[in-house]
Amino acid sequence: MTIYGIKTCSSVGKARKFMKENGIEFDFVDYKVESVGEDKIREWLKQIDIKTLFNTRGTKYRDLKLKELNLDDEGKIKWMAKENYLIKRPVIEYGDGKVFVGYKEEMYKETFLC
């Protein structure tokens, strides 16, 4: 299992805490240290919708005034690769390449504790 995000994000913190408390081993990829490239983003998008992955609520989205650009999906992918803070957090890879985005405790229990 690999968790992608930033250490200072509360949702990422909750996800990491959940895994630790339940004895689930994971690797952590911090966007501040190691950026996620376009290939990885495209891999995730084979399983999840771009609306799930692209963060339109964050400060980075507003600061970059991306709403005004009216980006298509390709534009969003390029921006997420350039600015990983535009990726919703956390992104969790588990099992045979499955992907889960966000923190929802009930879904974590159903998905990771079975």
N, C-alpha and C. Protein backbone atom coordinates (compact mmCIF):
# COMPACT_ATOMS: atom_id res chain seq x y z
N MET A 1 0.85 -1.18 0.00
CA MET A 1 0.00 0.00 0.00
C MET A 1 0.89 1.24 0.00
N THR A 2 0.47 2.23 -0.77
CA THR A 2 1.18 3.51 -0.80
C THR A 2 0.16 4.62 -0.62
N ILE A 3 0.47 5.55 0.29
CA ILE A 3 -0.36 6.72 0.50
C ILE A 3 0.38 7.92 -0.07
N TYR A 4 -0.30 8.69 -0.91
CA TYR A 4 0.26 9.89 -1.53
C TYR A 4 -0.41 11.11 -0.92
N GLY A 5 0.37 12.14 -0.61
CA GLY A 5 -0.18 13.38 -0.08
C GLY A 5 0.90 14.26 0.49
N ILE A 6 0.52 15.10 1.44
CA ILE A 6 1.49 15.94 2.15
C ILE A 6 1.26 15.76 3.65
N LYS A 7 2.34 15.82 4.40
CA LYS A 7 2.27 15.56 5.83
C LYS A 7 1.36 16.52 6.57
N THR A 8 1.26 17.76 6.10
CA THR A 8 0.49 18.78 6.81
C THR A 8 -1.01 18.73 6.53
N CYS A 9 -1.44 17.85 5.62
CA CYS A 9 -2.86 17.74 5.27
C CYS A 9 -3.58 16.91 6.33
N SER A 10 -4.68 17.43 6.87
CA SER A 10 -5.40 16.72 7.93
C SER A 10 -5.98 15.39 7.43
N SER A 11 -6.48 15.34 6.21
CA SER A 11 -7.03 14.10 5.67
C SER A 11 -5.93 13.03 5.52
N VAL A 12 -4.77 13.45 5.08
CA VAL A 12 -3.64 12.52 4.96
C VAL A 12 -3.25 12.02 6.35
N GLY A 13 -3.23 12.92 7.32
CA GLY A 13 -2.91 12.53 8.70
C GLY A 13 -3.89 11.51 9.24
N LYS A 14 -5.17 11.70 8.97
CA LYS A 14 -6.19 10.75 9.42
C LYS A 14 -6.01 9.40 8.74
N ALA A 15 -5.70 9.41 7.47
CA ALA A 15 -5.50 8.16 6.74
C ALA A 15 -4.29 7.40 7.29
N ARG A 16 -3.20 8.10 7.50
CA ARG A 16 -1.99 7.46 8.04
C ARG A 16 -2.25 6.92 9.44
N LYS A 17 -2.96 7.68 10.25
CA LYS A 17 -3.28 7.24 11.61
C LYS A 17 -4.15 5.99 11.57
N PHE A 18 -5.16 5.98 10.71
CA PHE A 18 -6.04 4.82 10.58
C PHE A 18 -5.23 3.57 10.25
N MET A 19 -4.34 3.69 9.28
CA MET A 19 -3.54 2.54 8.87
C MET A 19 -2.64 2.06 10.00
N LYS A 20 -1.99 2.99 10.67
CA LYS A 20 -1.10 2.62 11.79
C LYS A 20 -1.89 1.95 12.91
N GLU A 21 -3.03 2.52 13.28
CA GLU A 21 -3.84 1.96 14.37
C GLU A 21 -4.38 0.57 14.05
N ASN A 22 -4.51 0.27 12.76
CA ASN A 22 -5.05 -1.02 12.34
C ASN A 22 -3.96 -1.97 11.85
N GLY A 23 -2.71 -1.61 12.11
CA GLY A 23 -1.59 -2.48 11.77
C GLY A 23 -1.39 -2.71 10.28
N ILE A 24 -1.79 -1.74 9.47
CA ILE A 24 -1.64 -1.86 8.02
C ILE A 24 -0.37 -1.12 7.61
N GLU A 25 0.56 -1.86 7.03
CA GLU A 25 1.81 -1.25 6.59
C GLU A 25 1.60 -0.47 5.30
N PHE A 26 2.31 0.64 5.18
CA PHE A 26 2.20 1.47 3.98
C PHE A 26 3.47 2.27 3.76
N ASP A 27 3.68 2.63 2.52
CA ASP A 27 4.72 3.59 2.17
C ASP A 27 4.03 4.93 2.02
N PHE A 28 4.77 6.00 2.30
CA PHE A 28 4.20 7.34 2.17
C PHE A 28 5.02 8.14 1.17
N VAL A 29 4.33 8.73 0.20
CA VAL A 29 4.98 9.60 -0.78
C VAL A 29 4.47 11.01 -0.52
N ASP A 30 5.40 11.87 -0.09
CA ASP A 30 5.09 13.27 0.21
C ASP A 30 5.34 14.11 -1.03
N TYR A 31 4.29 14.76 -1.52
CA TYR A 31 4.41 15.59 -2.72
C TYR A 31 5.48 16.67 -2.59
N LYS A 32 5.74 17.10 -1.37
CA LYS A 32 6.76 18.14 -1.18
C LYS A 32 8.16 17.61 -1.46
N VAL A 33 8.33 16.29 -1.31
CA VAL A 33 9.64 15.67 -1.47
C VAL A 33 9.78 14.98 -2.83
N GLU A 34 8.73 14.29 -3.22
CA GLU A 34 8.76 13.49 -4.45
C GLU A 34 7.48 13.75 -5.23
N SER A 35 7.60 14.41 -6.36
CA SER A 35 6.39 14.75 -7.10
C SER A 35 5.87 13.57 -7.90
N VAL A 36 4.57 13.60 -8.14
CA VAL A 36 3.88 12.57 -8.92
C VAL A 36 3.78 13.08 -10.35
N GLY A 37 4.20 12.27 -11.28
CA GLY A 37 4.20 12.68 -12.67
C GLY A 37 2.93 12.33 -13.43
N GLU A 38 2.90 12.76 -14.66
CA GLU A 38 1.73 12.58 -15.51
C GLU A 38 1.40 11.10 -15.73
N ASP A 39 2.41 10.24 -15.85
CA ASP A 39 2.15 8.81 -16.06
C ASP A 39 1.37 8.21 -14.90
N LYS A 40 1.76 8.54 -13.68
CA LYS A 40 1.09 8.02 -12.49
C LYS A 40 -0.34 8.55 -12.43
N ILE A 41 -0.52 9.82 -12.74
CA ILE A 41 -1.86 10.42 -12.72
C ILE A 41 -2.76 9.72 -13.74
N ARG A 42 -2.24 9.46 -14.93
CA ARG A 42 -3.02 8.77 -15.96
C ARG A 42 -3.36 7.33 -15.53
N GLU A 43 -2.42 6.70 -14.82
CA GLU A 43 -2.67 5.36 -14.28
C GLU A 43 -3.86 5.39 -13.31
N TRP A 44 -3.86 6.37 -12.41
CA TRP A 44 -4.97 6.51 -11.46
C TRP A 44 -6.29 6.75 -12.18
N LEU A 45 -6.24 7.56 -13.23
CA LEU A 45 -7.46 7.94 -13.94
C LEU A 45 -8.09 6.78 -14.72
N LYS A 46 -7.40 5.67 -14.82
CA LYS A 46 -8.01 4.48 -15.42
C LYS A 46 -9.07 3.90 -14.49
N GLN A 47 -8.97 4.24 -13.19
CA GLN A 47 -9.89 3.69 -12.20
C GLN A 47 -10.82 4.72 -11.58
N ILE A 48 -10.39 5.95 -11.55
CA ILE A 48 -11.20 6.98 -10.90
C ILE A 48 -11.46 8.13 -11.86
N ASP A 49 -12.53 8.83 -11.62
CA ASP A 49 -12.93 9.96 -12.46
C ASP A 49 -12.04 11.16 -12.17
N ILE A 50 -11.79 11.95 -13.18
CA ILE A 50 -10.95 13.14 -13.00
C ILE A 50 -11.57 14.12 -11.99
N LYS A 51 -12.89 14.13 -11.90
CA LYS A 51 -13.56 15.00 -10.92
C LYS A 51 -13.22 14.57 -9.50
N THR A 52 -12.96 13.30 -9.31
CA THR A 52 -12.57 12.78 -8.00
C THR A 52 -11.13 13.17 -7.67
N LEU A 53 -10.28 13.22 -8.68
CA LEU A 53 -8.85 13.44 -8.46
C LEU A 53 -8.44 14.91 -8.46
N PHE A 54 -9.09 15.71 -9.30
CA PHE A 54 -8.69 17.12 -9.47
C PHE A 54 -9.33 17.98 -8.39
N ASN A 55 -8.48 18.63 -7.60
CA ASN A 55 -8.94 19.40 -6.44
C ASN A 55 -9.27 20.85 -6.83
N THR A 56 -10.56 21.15 -6.90
CA THR A 56 -10.99 22.51 -7.23
C THR A 56 -11.29 23.33 -5.97
N ARG A 57 -11.14 22.73 -4.80
CA ARG A 57 -11.46 23.43 -3.56
C ARG A 57 -10.25 24.03 -2.85
N GLY A 58 -9.08 23.65 -3.29
CA GLY A 58 -7.86 24.06 -2.59
C GLY A 58 -7.39 25.46 -2.92
N THR A 59 -6.49 25.93 -2.09
CA THR A 59 -5.89 27.25 -2.26
C THR A 59 -5.13 27.35 -3.57
N LYS A 60 -4.40 26.29 -3.92
CA LYS A 60 -3.59 26.31 -5.13
C LYS A 60 -4.46 26.55 -6.37
N TYR A 61 -5.62 25.91 -6.43
CA TYR A 61 -6.54 26.09 -7.55
C TYR A 61 -6.98 27.55 -7.67
N ARG A 62 -7.30 28.14 -6.53
CA ARG A 62 -7.72 29.56 -6.53
C ARG A 62 -6.55 30.48 -6.86
N ASP A 63 -5.39 30.22 -6.25
CA ASP A 63 -4.22 31.08 -6.47
C ASP A 63 -3.81 31.10 -7.95
N LEU A 64 -3.91 29.94 -8.60
CA LEU A 64 -3.52 29.85 -10.01
C LEU A 64 -4.62 30.32 -10.96
N LYS A 65 -5.79 30.66 -10.39
CA LYS A 65 -6.94 31.14 -11.18
C LYS A 65 -7.30 30.16 -12.30
N LEU A 66 -7.29 28.86 -11.96
CA LEU A 66 -7.54 27.84 -12.98
C LEU A 66 -8.98 27.79 -13.44
N LYS A 67 -9.91 28.24 -12.60
CA LYS A 67 -11.31 28.25 -13.01
C LYS A 67 -11.49 29.10 -14.26
N GLU A 68 -10.74 30.20 -14.32
CA GLU A 68 -10.84 31.11 -15.46
C GLU A 68 -10.34 30.47 -16.76
N LEU A 69 -9.47 29.46 -16.65
CA LEU A 69 -8.91 28.82 -17.84
C LEU A 69 -9.87 27.81 -18.47
N ASN A 70 -10.91 27.41 -17.70
CA ASN A 70 -11.90 26.46 -18.22
C ASN A 70 -11.22 25.23 -18.82
N LEU A 71 -10.40 24.57 -18.04
CA LEU A 71 -9.56 23.47 -18.50
C LEU A 71 -10.37 22.24 -18.92
N ASP A 72 -9.91 21.60 -20.00
CA ASP A 72 -10.45 20.29 -20.35
C ASP A 72 -9.67 19.24 -19.55
N ASP A 73 -10.01 17.97 -19.71
CA ASP A 73 -9.37 16.93 -18.91
C ASP A 73 -7.85 16.88 -19.14
N GLU A 74 -7.41 17.04 -20.38
CA GLU A 74 -5.97 17.03 -20.67
C GLU A 74 -5.27 18.19 -19.94
N GLY A 75 -5.90 19.34 -19.94
CA GLY A 75 -5.33 20.49 -19.24
C GLY A 75 -5.23 20.24 -17.75
N LYS A 76 -6.25 19.61 -17.19
CA LYS A 76 -6.24 19.29 -15.76
C LYS A 76 -5.12 18.31 -15.42
N ILE A 77 -4.93 17.32 -16.28
CA ILE A 77 -3.86 16.34 -16.06
C ILE A 77 -2.50 17.03 -16.08
N LYS A 78 -2.29 17.89 -17.05
CA LYS A 78 -1.01 18.62 -17.15
C LYS A 78 -0.78 19.47 -15.90
N TRP A 79 -1.82 20.15 -15.43
CA TRP A 79 -1.68 20.99 -14.24
C TRP A 79 -1.42 20.15 -12.99
N MET A 80 -2.11 19.01 -12.85
CA MET A 80 -1.87 18.16 -11.68
C MET A 80 -0.43 17.64 -11.65
N ALA A 81 0.11 17.32 -12.82
CA ALA A 81 1.50 16.84 -12.89
C ALA A 81 2.47 17.97 -12.54
N LYS A 82 2.13 19.18 -12.94
CA LYS A 82 3.00 20.33 -12.67
C LYS A 82 2.86 20.80 -11.22
N GLU A 83 1.66 20.77 -10.70
CA GLU A 83 1.34 21.24 -9.35
C GLU A 83 0.60 20.13 -8.60
N ASN A 84 1.33 19.26 -7.92
CA ASN A 84 0.71 18.12 -7.24
C ASN A 84 -0.30 18.53 -6.18
N TYR A 85 -0.26 19.76 -5.72
CA TYR A 85 -1.24 20.21 -4.73
C TYR A 85 -2.65 20.27 -5.32
N LEU A 86 -2.76 20.13 -6.64
CA LEU A 86 -4.05 20.10 -7.30
C LEU A 86 -4.68 18.70 -7.28
N ILE A 87 -3.93 17.74 -6.73
CA ILE A 87 -4.45 16.37 -6.60
C ILE A 87 -5.11 16.25 -5.24
N LYS A 88 -6.36 15.77 -5.23
CA LYS A 88 -7.05 15.56 -3.95
C LYS A 88 -6.26 14.57 -3.12
N ARG A 89 -6.36 14.72 -1.80
CA ARG A 89 -5.56 13.90 -0.89
C ARG A 89 -6.43 13.23 0.15
N PRO A 90 -5.93 12.12 0.63
CA PRO A 90 -4.83 11.30 0.11
C PRO A 90 -5.28 10.44 -1.07
N VAL A 91 -4.29 10.04 -1.86
CA VAL A 91 -4.51 9.01 -2.87
C VAL A 91 -3.85 7.75 -2.32
N ILE A 92 -4.61 6.66 -2.29
CA ILE A 92 -4.08 5.40 -1.75
C ILE A 92 -4.11 4.34 -2.83
N GLU A 93 -2.94 3.76 -3.09
CA GLU A 93 -2.83 2.61 -3.97
C GLU A 93 -2.77 1.37 -3.08
N TYR A 94 -3.58 0.36 -3.42
CA TYR A 94 -3.59 -0.85 -2.60
C TYR A 94 -3.95 -2.04 -3.47
N GLY A 95 -3.75 -3.22 -2.91
CA GLY A 95 -4.11 -4.43 -3.65
C GLY A 95 -3.37 -4.50 -4.97
N ASP A 96 -4.06 -4.96 -5.97
CA ASP A 96 -3.47 -5.07 -7.31
C ASP A 96 -3.70 -3.80 -8.11
N GLY A 97 -3.13 -2.71 -7.65
CA GLY A 97 -3.23 -1.45 -8.38
C GLY A 97 -4.53 -0.70 -8.21
N LYS A 98 -5.30 -1.03 -7.17
CA LYS A 98 -6.54 -0.30 -6.92
C LYS A 98 -6.21 1.07 -6.35
N VAL A 99 -7.14 2.01 -6.52
CA VAL A 99 -6.93 3.39 -6.08
C VAL A 99 -8.14 3.89 -5.29
N PHE A 100 -7.85 4.57 -4.18
CA PHE A 100 -8.89 5.17 -3.35
C PHE A 100 -8.46 6.61 -3.09
N VAL A 101 -9.39 7.55 -3.19
CA VAL A 101 -9.06 8.97 -2.99
C VAL A 101 -9.89 9.52 -1.84
N GLY A 102 -9.22 10.24 -0.93
CA GLY A 102 -9.91 10.90 0.17
C GLY A 102 -9.85 10.11 1.47
N TYR A 103 -10.47 10.67 2.50
CA TYR A 103 -10.55 9.97 3.77
C TYR A 103 -12.01 9.87 4.19
N LYS A 104 -12.48 8.63 4.26
CA LYS A 104 -13.83 8.34 4.74
C LYS A 104 -13.70 7.11 5.61
N GLU A 105 -13.79 7.29 6.93
CA GLU A 105 -13.49 6.20 7.85
C GLU A 105 -14.32 4.94 7.58
N GLU A 106 -15.61 5.11 7.33
CA GLU A 106 -16.45 3.94 7.08
C GLU A 106 -16.00 3.18 5.83
N MET A 107 -15.65 3.91 4.80
CA MET A 107 -15.17 3.27 3.57
C MET A 107 -13.82 2.59 3.81
N TYR A 108 -12.98 3.20 4.64
CA TYR A 108 -11.69 2.59 4.97
C TYR A 108 -11.92 1.27 5.68
N LYS A 109 -12.86 1.25 6.63
CA LYS A 109 -13.15 0.02 7.36
C LYS A 109 -13.61 -1.07 6.39
N GLU A 110 -14.51 -0.73 5.47
CA GLU A 110 -15.03 -1.69 4.50
C GLU A 110 -13.96 -2.16 3.52
N THR A 111 -13.10 -1.23 3.12
CA THR A 111 -12.12 -1.53 2.08
C THR A 111 -10.85 -2.19 2.62
N PHE A 112 -10.33 -1.67 3.73
CA PHE A 112 -9.01 -2.09 4.19
C PHE A 112 -9.01 -3.08 5.35
N LEU A 113 -10.15 -3.29 6.01
CA LEU A 113 -10.17 -4.18 7.17
C LEU A 113 -10.85 -5.51 6.89
N CYS A 114 -11.20 -5.77 5.65
CA CYS A 114 -11.88 -7.02 5.31
C CYS A 114 -10.90 -8.13 5.01
